[in-house]
Each structure stands twice: as C-alpha cells, then as structure tokens.
N, C-alpha and C. Protein backbone atom coordinates (compact mmCIF):
# COMPACT_ATOMS: atom_id res chain seq x y z
N MET A 1 96.81 95.26 53.03
CA MET A 1 96.54 94.96 54.62
C MET A 1 96.09 93.65 54.49
N THR A 2 96.20 93.22 55.83
CA THR A 2 96.34 91.78 56.45
C THR A 2 94.86 91.03 56.68
N ASN A 3 94.34 90.15 56.71
CA ASN A 3 93.16 89.59 57.36
C ASN A 3 93.28 89.40 58.66
N GLN A 4 94.42 89.46 59.47
CA GLN A 4 94.81 88.74 60.65
C GLN A 4 93.76 88.94 61.54
N GLN A 5 93.28 87.86 62.32
CA GLN A 5 91.75 87.98 63.16
C GLN A 5 92.63 88.56 64.58
N LEU A 6 92.00 89.52 65.47
CA LEU A 6 92.38 90.39 66.46
C LEU A 6 91.74 88.77 67.19
N GLY A 7 92.73 89.26 68.41
CA GLY A 7 92.72 88.49 69.75
C GLY A 7 91.62 88.65 70.70
N ARG A 8 91.17 87.56 71.33
CA ARG A 8 89.95 87.69 72.38
C ARG A 8 90.26 88.66 73.37
N LEU A 9 89.63 89.57 73.85
CA LEU A 9 89.66 90.07 75.34
C LEU A 9 88.61 89.60 76.31
N THR A 10 89.10 89.01 77.24
CA THR A 10 88.27 88.56 78.48
C THR A 10 88.48 89.70 79.66
N THR A 11 88.07 89.18 80.96
CA THR A 11 88.13 89.52 82.08
C THR A 11 88.16 88.56 83.12
N ALA A 12 88.78 88.18 84.07
CA ALA A 12 88.50 87.55 85.08
C ALA A 12 89.16 88.22 86.35
N ARG A 13 88.89 87.22 87.54
CA ARG A 13 89.44 87.92 88.85
C ARG A 13 90.70 87.15 89.09
N ILE A 14 91.45 87.48 89.82
CA ILE A 14 93.25 87.55 89.92
C ILE A 14 92.88 85.95 90.53
N TYR A 15 91.94 85.72 91.35
CA TYR A 15 91.81 84.57 92.24
C TYR A 15 91.40 83.31 91.45
N ASP A 16 90.82 83.37 90.06
CA ASP A 16 90.31 82.46 89.20
C ASP A 16 91.69 81.64 88.62
N GLU A 17 91.42 80.61 88.35
CA GLU A 17 92.70 79.49 87.52
C GLU A 17 93.00 80.17 86.36
N PRO A 18 94.17 80.42 86.25
CA PRO A 18 94.65 80.79 84.71
C PRO A 18 94.27 79.79 83.81
N VAL A 19 94.05 80.47 82.53
CA VAL A 19 93.41 79.92 81.45
C VAL A 19 94.65 79.52 80.36
N GLU A 20 95.40 78.78 79.85
CA GLU A 20 96.12 78.57 79.05
C GLU A 20 96.36 79.17 77.85
N GLY A 21 97.36 80.25 77.22
CA GLY A 21 97.13 80.75 76.28
C GLY A 21 96.99 82.06 76.07
N ARG A 22 96.28 82.51 77.50
CA ARG A 22 96.09 83.76 77.16
C ARG A 22 97.05 84.77 78.07
N TYR A 23 97.31 86.27 77.47
CA TYR A 23 98.26 87.15 77.98
C TYR A 23 97.37 87.48 79.18
N ARG A 24 97.82 87.56 80.17
CA ARG A 24 97.29 87.90 81.13
C ARG A 24 98.19 89.04 82.07
N ILE A 25 97.20 90.13 82.10
CA ILE A 25 97.52 91.62 82.64
C ILE A 25 96.50 91.81 83.71
N LEU A 26 97.34 92.45 84.96
CA LEU A 26 96.74 92.58 86.10
C LEU A 26 96.63 94.35 86.07
N VAL A 27 95.11 94.61 85.97
CA VAL A 27 94.74 95.98 85.77
C VAL A 27 94.63 96.61 86.66
N ASP A 28 94.94 96.27 87.82
CA ASP A 28 95.06 96.82 89.55
C ASP A 28 95.72 97.56 89.57
N ARG A 29 95.94 99.10 90.25
CA ARG A 29 96.61 99.71 91.02
C ARG A 29 97.46 99.03 92.27
N LEU A 30 96.84 98.54 92.95
CA LEU A 30 97.29 97.61 94.02
C LEU A 30 97.63 96.19 94.04
N TRP A 31 98.44 95.48 94.34
CA TRP A 31 98.76 94.08 94.18
C TRP A 31 97.38 93.38 94.91
N PRO A 32 96.89 92.44 95.02
CA PRO A 32 95.54 91.55 95.28
C PRO A 32 96.36 90.82 96.53
N ARG A 33 95.23 91.13 97.48
CA ARG A 33 95.64 90.24 98.97
C ARG A 33 95.83 88.85 98.61
N GLY A 34 96.76 88.14 99.25
CA GLY A 34 96.81 86.67 99.33
C GLY A 34 97.32 85.89 97.87
N VAL A 35 97.65 86.76 96.87
CA VAL A 35 98.20 86.03 95.81
C VAL A 35 99.60 86.12 95.90
N SER A 36 100.32 85.22 95.50
CA SER A 36 101.69 85.05 95.50
C SER A 36 101.94 85.55 93.88
N LYS A 37 103.21 86.19 93.45
CA LYS A 37 103.68 86.55 92.40
C LYS A 37 103.48 85.28 91.06
N GLU A 38 103.77 84.23 91.87
CA GLU A 38 103.82 82.60 90.85
C GLU A 38 102.43 82.41 90.69
N LYS A 39 101.74 82.20 91.70
CA LYS A 39 100.25 81.87 91.59
C LYS A 39 99.06 82.55 90.41
N ALA A 40 99.56 84.23 90.56
CA ALA A 40 99.13 84.95 89.81
C ALA A 40 99.54 85.13 88.25
N ALA A 41 100.61 84.23 88.27
CA ALA A 41 101.01 83.90 86.54
C ALA A 41 101.08 84.88 85.43
N LEU A 42 101.15 86.09 85.65
CA LEU A 42 100.69 87.34 85.05
C LEU A 42 102.07 87.37 84.12
N ASP A 43 101.69 87.95 82.68
CA ASP A 43 102.52 88.45 81.79
C ASP A 43 103.00 89.77 81.87
N GLU A 44 102.11 90.68 82.88
CA GLU A 44 102.45 92.07 82.91
C GLU A 44 101.48 92.64 83.98
N TRP A 45 101.96 93.41 84.50
CA TRP A 45 101.50 94.60 85.76
C TRP A 45 100.70 95.77 85.06
N LEU A 46 99.70 96.41 84.53
CA LEU A 46 99.91 97.69 84.01
C LEU A 46 99.32 98.45 84.84
N LYS A 47 99.61 98.82 86.43
CA LYS A 47 99.22 99.88 87.03
C LYS A 47 98.39 101.07 86.64
N ASP A 48 99.16 101.33 85.27
CA ASP A 48 99.04 103.07 84.96
C ASP A 48 97.49 102.74 83.94
N ILE A 49 96.90 101.72 83.77
CA ILE A 49 95.54 101.66 83.58
C ILE A 49 94.79 101.14 83.97
N ALA A 50 94.85 101.39 85.14
CA ALA A 50 93.98 101.30 86.36
C ALA A 50 93.23 102.61 86.88
N PRO A 51 92.25 102.77 87.61
CA PRO A 51 91.73 103.99 87.72
C PRO A 51 92.47 104.65 88.74
N SER A 52 92.39 105.91 89.02
CA SER A 52 93.55 106.67 89.89
C SER A 52 92.88 106.14 91.00
N GLY A 53 93.95 106.44 92.21
CA GLY A 53 93.54 106.27 93.65
C GLY A 53 92.51 107.45 94.08
N PRO A 54 92.21 108.33 93.82
CA PRO A 54 91.18 109.28 94.44
C PRO A 54 89.69 108.57 93.80
N LEU A 55 89.74 108.60 92.60
CA LEU A 55 88.78 107.76 91.78
C LEU A 55 88.49 106.42 92.49
N ARG A 56 89.17 105.49 92.74
CA ARG A 56 88.99 104.44 93.15
C ARG A 56 88.16 104.45 94.65
N THR A 57 89.17 105.49 95.14
CA THR A 57 88.11 105.68 96.75
C THR A 57 87.24 105.93 96.40
N GLU A 58 86.79 106.93 95.91
CA GLU A 58 85.37 107.78 95.66
C GLU A 58 84.23 106.85 95.60
N PHE A 59 84.60 105.81 94.06
CA PHE A 59 84.03 105.08 93.66
C PHE A 59 83.23 103.99 94.79
N ALA A 60 84.43 103.37 95.56
CA ALA A 60 84.36 102.38 96.69
C ALA A 60 83.48 101.08 96.38
N HIS A 61 83.53 100.80 95.08
CA HIS A 61 82.42 99.72 94.13
C HIS A 61 81.24 99.72 94.96
N MET A 62 80.58 101.07 94.89
CA MET A 62 79.37 101.18 95.30
C MET A 62 78.45 101.43 94.01
N ALA A 63 77.11 100.49 93.64
CA ALA A 63 76.52 99.97 92.47
C ALA A 63 75.69 101.48 92.16
N SER A 64 75.19 102.46 93.22
CA SER A 64 74.81 103.75 92.66
C SER A 64 75.97 104.76 92.54
N ARG A 65 77.26 104.54 92.25
CA ARG A 65 78.04 105.38 91.82
C ARG A 65 78.57 104.86 90.39
N PHE A 66 78.33 103.53 90.35
CA PHE A 66 78.96 103.05 88.76
C PHE A 66 78.96 103.91 87.71
N GLU A 67 77.83 104.42 87.30
CA GLU A 67 77.34 105.05 86.22
C GLU A 67 78.58 106.68 86.21
N GLU A 68 78.71 106.97 87.08
CA GLU A 68 79.34 108.34 87.41
C GLU A 68 81.04 107.90 87.26
N PHE A 69 81.23 106.43 88.02
CA PHE A 69 82.71 106.29 87.85
C PHE A 69 83.01 105.73 86.23
N THR A 70 82.02 105.55 85.70
CA THR A 70 82.16 104.94 84.62
C THR A 70 82.75 105.44 83.46
N ALA A 71 81.78 107.04 83.29
CA ALA A 71 82.40 108.30 82.84
C ALA A 71 83.52 108.69 83.25
N LEU A 72 83.86 109.05 84.46
CA LEU A 72 85.26 109.60 85.16
C LEU A 72 86.24 108.82 84.82
N TYR A 73 86.22 107.50 84.53
CA TYR A 73 87.39 106.45 84.51
C TYR A 73 87.75 106.34 83.13
N ARG A 74 86.70 106.84 82.12
CA ARG A 74 86.98 106.55 80.75
C ARG A 74 87.92 108.02 80.33
N GLU A 75 87.27 108.85 81.12
CA GLU A 75 87.99 110.52 80.92
C GLU A 75 89.34 110.15 81.09
N GLU A 76 89.60 109.46 82.30
CA GLU A 76 91.19 109.24 82.54
C GLU A 76 91.92 108.18 81.44
N LEU A 77 90.88 107.19 81.04
CA LEU A 77 91.79 106.53 79.97
C LEU A 77 91.87 107.35 78.81
N ASP A 78 90.95 108.13 78.52
CA ASP A 78 91.49 109.33 77.49
C ASP A 78 92.53 109.95 77.38
N GLU A 79 92.97 110.74 78.53
CA GLU A 79 94.14 111.28 79.31
C GLU A 79 95.67 110.51 79.17
N HIS A 80 95.17 109.24 79.13
CA HIS A 80 96.31 108.22 79.13
C HIS A 80 96.64 107.10 78.26
N PRO A 81 96.73 107.60 77.22
CA PRO A 81 96.53 106.64 75.77
C PRO A 81 97.57 105.43 75.62
N VAL A 82 99.00 105.48 76.49
CA VAL A 82 99.82 104.66 76.43
C VAL A 82 99.64 103.37 76.36
N PRO A 83 99.07 102.69 77.88
CA PRO A 83 98.61 101.57 78.27
C PRO A 83 97.71 101.11 77.21
N VAL A 84 96.67 102.03 76.99
CA VAL A 84 95.49 101.51 76.29
C VAL A 84 96.30 101.34 74.59
N ASP A 85 96.60 101.88 74.20
CA ASP A 85 97.41 101.68 72.97
C ASP A 85 98.40 100.15 72.80
N HIS A 86 98.84 100.14 74.00
CA HIS A 86 99.61 99.03 74.23
C HIS A 86 98.83 97.48 74.35
N VAL A 87 97.85 97.74 75.10
CA VAL A 87 96.73 96.64 75.03
C VAL A 87 95.91 96.14 73.94
N VAL A 88 95.81 97.42 73.10
CA VAL A 88 95.22 97.37 71.64
C VAL A 88 95.86 96.75 70.82
N GLY A 89 97.14 97.10 70.83
CA GLY A 89 98.30 96.69 70.12
C GLY A 89 98.56 94.77 70.10
N LEU A 90 98.42 94.58 71.49
CA LEU A 90 98.73 93.03 71.72
C LEU A 90 97.18 92.40 70.65
N LEU A 91 95.77 92.88 71.20
CA LEU A 91 95.06 92.08 70.57
C LEU A 91 95.27 92.25 68.73
N ARG A 92 95.64 93.48 68.26
CA ARG A 92 95.60 93.61 67.16
C ARG A 92 96.51 92.75 66.54
N GLU A 93 97.43 92.01 67.30
CA GLU A 93 98.52 91.01 66.91
C GLU A 93 97.81 89.65 66.94
N GLY A 94 96.66 89.66 67.73
CA GLY A 94 96.15 88.20 67.33
C GLY A 94 96.30 87.64 68.97
N ARG A 95 96.79 88.38 69.91
CA ARG A 95 96.71 87.73 71.28
C ARG A 95 95.12 87.63 71.89
N ASP A 96 95.46 86.57 72.83
CA ASP A 96 93.86 86.63 73.39
C ASP A 96 94.70 87.39 75.01
N VAL A 97 93.69 88.27 75.20
CA VAL A 97 94.11 88.90 76.63
C VAL A 97 93.05 88.90 77.42
N GLU A 98 93.75 88.46 78.73
CA GLU A 98 92.59 88.47 79.91
C GLU A 98 93.26 89.68 80.88
N LEU A 99 91.93 90.80 81.19
CA LEU A 99 92.21 91.51 82.19
C LEU A 99 91.97 90.81 83.60
N LEU A 100 92.59 91.17 84.49
CA LEU A 100 92.72 90.47 85.40
C LEU A 100 92.44 91.67 86.96
N TYR A 101 91.74 91.23 87.68
CA TYR A 101 91.14 92.47 88.60
C TYR A 101 91.08 91.44 89.95
N ALA A 102 91.16 92.49 91.26
CA ALA A 102 90.89 91.56 92.51
C ALA A 102 89.13 91.68 93.04
N ALA A 103 88.57 92.72 92.26
CA ALA A 103 87.46 93.12 93.19
C ALA A 103 86.13 92.07 92.96
N LYS A 104 85.73 91.46 94.50
CA LYS A 104 84.91 90.46 94.54
C LYS A 104 83.75 90.52 93.27
N ASP A 105 82.80 91.70 92.99
CA ASP A 105 81.66 91.91 91.72
C ASP A 105 82.53 91.82 90.75
N ARG A 106 81.69 91.05 89.36
CA ARG A 106 82.38 90.79 88.22
C ARG A 106 81.74 91.67 87.48
N GLU A 107 80.26 92.20 87.67
CA GLU A 107 80.01 92.80 86.87
C GLU A 107 80.31 94.77 87.29
N ILE A 108 80.08 95.02 88.57
CA ILE A 108 80.49 96.58 88.63
C ILE A 108 82.13 96.52 89.03
N SER A 109 82.59 96.59 87.84
CA SER A 109 84.11 96.69 88.36
C SER A 109 84.75 97.34 86.76
N HIS A 110 85.82 98.03 87.31
CA HIS A 110 86.43 99.02 86.31
C HIS A 110 87.24 98.01 84.93
N ALA A 111 87.21 96.81 85.51
CA ALA A 111 87.37 95.94 84.33
C ALA A 111 86.90 95.58 83.61
N GLN A 112 85.47 95.92 83.75
CA GLN A 112 84.02 95.84 82.72
C GLN A 112 84.18 97.01 81.83
N VAL A 113 84.68 98.20 82.57
CA VAL A 113 84.47 99.42 81.77
C VAL A 113 85.75 99.56 80.86
N LEU A 114 87.01 98.91 81.51
CA LEU A 114 87.96 98.78 80.65
C LEU A 114 87.56 98.00 79.28
N ARG A 115 87.12 96.77 79.49
CA ARG A 115 87.03 96.14 78.49
C ARG A 115 86.38 96.73 77.51
N SER A 116 85.10 97.18 77.75
CA SER A 116 84.37 97.97 76.72
C SER A 116 85.08 99.48 76.08
N TYR A 117 86.13 99.83 76.70
CA TYR A 117 86.66 100.94 76.30
C TYR A 117 87.89 100.32 75.40
N LEU A 118 88.55 99.47 75.62
CA LEU A 118 89.01 98.54 74.44
C LEU A 118 88.92 98.19 73.26
N LEU A 119 87.84 97.44 73.53
CA LEU A 119 86.62 97.02 72.24
C LEU A 119 86.93 98.30 71.31
N GLU A 120 85.77 99.19 71.94
CA GLU A 120 85.62 100.22 71.19
C GLU A 120 87.16 101.02 70.10
N HIS A 121 88.01 101.06 70.99
CA HIS A 121 89.28 101.10 70.42
C HIS A 121 90.05 100.15 69.04
N LEU A 122 89.39 99.13 69.31
CA LEU A 122 89.47 98.44 68.53
C LEU A 122 88.99 98.60 66.83
N GLU A 123 87.77 99.15 66.65
CA GLU A 123 87.22 99.52 65.87
C GLU A 123 87.59 100.34 64.94
C-alpha cells in the first residue's frame, strides 16, 4: 500500500475566481445564471451528485430547514454512490478538488453537506 497523499477538498461559489491547480466540479443540477462555460473553467459538471429537484425546491435555502435537508440529501447520496465514488477516487489519486455551487450562502449550502459526506467516505 502506498503513502500517497490525499487531495484537498474545498468548496467555492462558481462566481469566485478559479484557483490554479484545482480540479473544478460544478455540483449544481442547474447551470448558474450569468456564467459562461469559459468563465466557469470547469473540469466537470456532476449533475447527479446534486440534490434532487424536489428536495432542492422543498429546502429553498431556508436555514430553518437545513438540518432536515442535510439528512435527506445524505440519504440521496447513499442511494447514488457512483458520483460519490468518482470524486472520492479523484481525491485518493491526490487531486485537489473544488466543489462549485451557485448559492449565495456559503454555509447553508448543499456543497457543504456534500463536502462533509465525501470526507467521511475517505476515511
């Protein structure tokens, strides 16, 4: 077994300036407004790792629903392991991965839930 170092996992808004050397994955189901494909500088768009449409609509970025949203989103991730395994594989290869999202709130965001979930699956 090798001692290869895991890649770093970060989150950022799609509207932030790209950071050199990070593998950029858009983790939203819908394309963000006002962002061209060139400006996004994506390596990948993983729609299937985003919350389902009904869950996203029900949550509506309301802080009071975030705990319930987190539990339901984690259940969805459990049911769809292929995109999760893909990102975990990139991290195990030593790639620095940046999860990109469009939501304004940096703390109450599915990307934060996803980051935590992915880190647990690296252990």
